[in-house]
C-alpha atoms as a PDB file:
ATOM      1  CA  MET A   1     121.824  43.331  75.294  1.00  0.00           C
ATOM      2  CA  HIS A   2     120.554  39.458  75.968  1.00  0.00           C
ATOM      3  CA  VAL A   3     123.609  38.019  76.242  1.00  0.00           C
ATOM      4  CA  LEU A   4     126.202  40.059  77.828  1.00  0.00           C
ATOM      5  CA  PRO A   5     129.722  40.021  76.322  1.00  0.00           C
ATOM      6  CA  GLU A   6     132.444  38.168  78.234  1.00  0.00           C
ATOM      7  CA  GLY A   7     133.909  39.086  81.449  1.00  0.00           C
ATOM      8  CA  PHE A   8     130.874  40.931  82.850  1.00  0.00           C
ATOM      9  CA  VAL A   9     128.173  40.509  85.131  1.00  0.00           C
ATOM     10  CA  LYS A  10     124.267  41.148  85.311  1.00  0.00           C
ATOM     11  CA  ILE A  11     123.480  42.992  88.423  1.00  0.00           C
ATOM     12  CA  ARG A  12     119.989  42.979  88.723  1.00  0.00           C
ATOM     13  CA  TYR A  13     118.640  44.883  91.779  1.00  0.00           C
ATOM     14  CA  TYR A  14     121.246  46.943  93.185  1.00  0.00           C
ATOM     15  CA  GLY A  15     121.033  49.871  95.894  1.00  0.00           C
ATOM     16  CA  LEU A  16     117.176  51.205  96.907  1.00  0.00           C
ATOM     17  CA  LEU A  17     115.735  48.681  95.002  1.00  0.00           C
ATOM     18  CA  GLY A  18     117.814  45.717  96.697  1.00  0.00           C
ATOM     19  CA  ASN A  19     115.864  42.953  98.000  1.00  0.00           C
ATOM     20  CA  ARG A  20     117.509  42.235 101.020  1.00  0.00           C
ATOM     21  CA  ASN A  21     117.194  46.355 102.298  1.00  0.00           C
ATOM     22  CA  ARG A  22     114.414  47.423  99.984  1.00  0.00           C
ATOM     23  CA  LYS A  23     112.045  48.167 102.813  1.00  0.00           C
ATOM     24  CA  ASP A  24     114.056  49.697 105.506  1.00  0.00           C
ATOM     25  CA  ASP A  25     116.045  52.002 102.305  1.00  0.00           C
ATOM     26  CA  LEU A  26     112.280  53.154 100.934  1.00  0.00           C
ATOM     27  CA  ILE A  27     111.574  54.002 104.589  1.00  0.00           C
ATOM     28  CA  LEU A  28     114.497  56.420 105.087  1.00  0.00           C
ATOM     29  CA  CYS A  29     113.677  57.787 101.468  1.00  0.00           C
ATOM     30  CA  ARG A  30     110.347  59.003 102.471  1.00  0.00           C
ATOM     31  CA  LYS A  31     111.473  60.472 105.743  1.00  0.00           C
ATOM     32  CA  ALA A  32     114.293  62.486 103.708  1.00  0.00           C
ATOM     33  CA  LEU A  33     111.708  63.737 101.470  1.00  0.00           C
ATOM     34  CA  GLY A  34     109.165  64.924 103.949  1.00  0.00           C
ATOM     35  CA  ILE A  35     106.795  62.047 102.814  1.00  0.00           C
ATOM     36  CA  ASN A  36     104.245  61.236 105.724  1.00  0.00           C
ATOM     37  CA  THR A  37     103.412  57.608 105.476  1.00  0.00           C
ATOM     38  CA  GLU A  38     101.169  57.550 108.330  1.00  0.00           C
ATOM     39  CA  THR A  39      98.483  59.041 107.114  1.00  0.00           C
ATOM     40  CA  GLU A  40      95.438  57.277 105.676  1.00  0.00           C
ATOM     41  CA  HIS A  41      95.439  57.268 101.603  1.00  0.00           C
ATOM     42  CA  THR A  42      91.939  58.561 100.333  1.00  0.00           C
ATOM     43  CA  VAL A  43      90.775  56.743  97.665  1.00  0.00           C
ATOM     44  CA  GLN A  44      89.690  58.712  94.998  1.00  0.00           C
ATOM     45  CA  THR A  45      86.832  57.785  91.990  1.00  0.00           C
ATOM     46  CA  TRP A  46      89.176  58.299  88.557  1.00  0.00           C
ATOM     47  CA  GLN A  47      86.760  61.414  87.851  1.00  0.00           C
ATOM     48  CA  GLU A  48      88.460  63.122  90.874  1.00  0.00           C
ATOM     49  CA  LEU A  49      91.795  61.793  89.898  1.00  0.00           C
ATOM     50  CA  PHE A  50      91.016  63.556  86.496  1.00  0.00           C
ATOM     51  CA  LEU A  51      90.465  66.559  88.075  1.00  0.00           C
ATOM     52  CA  ALA A  52      92.826  66.622  90.069  1.00  0.00           C
ATOM     53  CA  VAL A  53      95.474  66.452  87.768  1.00  0.00           C
ATOM     54  CA  THR A  54      94.179  68.077  84.719  1.00  0.00           C
ATOM     55  CA  GLY A  55      91.897  70.605  86.088  1.00  0.00           C
ATOM     56  CA  ILE A  56      89.122  69.548  83.645  1.00  0.00           C
ATOM     57  CA  ASP A  57      85.586  68.180  85.289  1.00  0.00           C
ATOM     58  CA  ILE A  58      84.844  65.498  82.883  1.00  0.00           C
ATOM     59  CA  MET A  59      81.249  65.544  84.695  1.00  0.00           C
ATOM     60  CA  GLU A  60      80.220  69.354  83.851  1.00  0.00           C
ATOM     61  CA  CYS A  61      78.230  69.535  80.846  1.00  0.00           C
ATOM     62  CA  PRO A  62      80.449  71.706  78.045  1.00  0.00           C
ATOM     63  CA  ILE A  63      77.369  73.673  76.644  1.00  0.00           C
ATOM     64  CA  CYS A  64      75.982  74.442  79.706  1.00  0.00           C
ATOM     65  CA  HIS A  65      78.146  73.658  82.658  1.00  0.00           C
ATOM     66  CA  ARG A  66      75.776  72.084  84.809  1.00  0.00           C
ATOM     67  CA  ARG A  67      76.514  68.663  86.766  1.00  0.00           C
ATOM     68  CA  MET A  68      75.688  65.444  84.766  1.00  0.00           C
ATOM     69  CA  ARG A  69      74.417  62.523  87.088  1.00  0.00           C
ATOM     70  CA  ARG A  70      74.476  59.187  85.875  1.00  0.00           C
ATOM     71  CA  LYS A  71      70.949  57.862  84.457  1.00  0.00           C
ATOM     72  CA  GLU A  72      71.966  54.306  83.826  1.00  0.00           C
ATOM     73  CA  VAL A  73      74.770  51.973  83.261  1.00  0.00           C
ATOM     74  CA  LEU A  74      74.965  50.314  80.262  1.00  0.00           C
ATOM     75  CA  PRO A  75      75.843  46.252  80.712  1.00  0.00           C
ATOM     76  CA  SER A  76      79.340  45.543  78.847  1.00  0.00           C
ATOM     77  CA  GLN A  77      78.711  42.964  76.271  1.00  0.00           C
ATOM     78  CA  LYS A  78      81.281  39.953  75.514  1.00  0.00           C
ATOM     79  CA  TYR A  79      81.771  39.558  71.794  1.00  0.00           C
ATOM     80  CA  ARG A  80      83.305  36.605  69.754  1.00  0.00           C
ATOM     81  CA  GLY A  81      86.618  37.124  67.931  1.00  0.00           C
ATOM     82  CA  PRO A  82      86.684  36.647  64.629  1.00  0.00           C
ATOM     83  CA  PRO A  83      86.595  33.121  63.195  1.00  0.00           C
END
């Protein structure tokens, strides 16, 4: 509802996402879940992330199962919109 009925008050952020304590609350939540925030995050390419999530290696040829390599990168083309 865009307009609340009479007598209702909209609360935008409450609890963990409340602005006042968000940073401290998220640190406590991560500790409770056992997530180590001190380790460095490794940067993965989208191909590595896709392999980790789906188990499918998109850089492997589906026919001969050899590793494909990049031969050429095509420049992006800018197309005009319809007139």
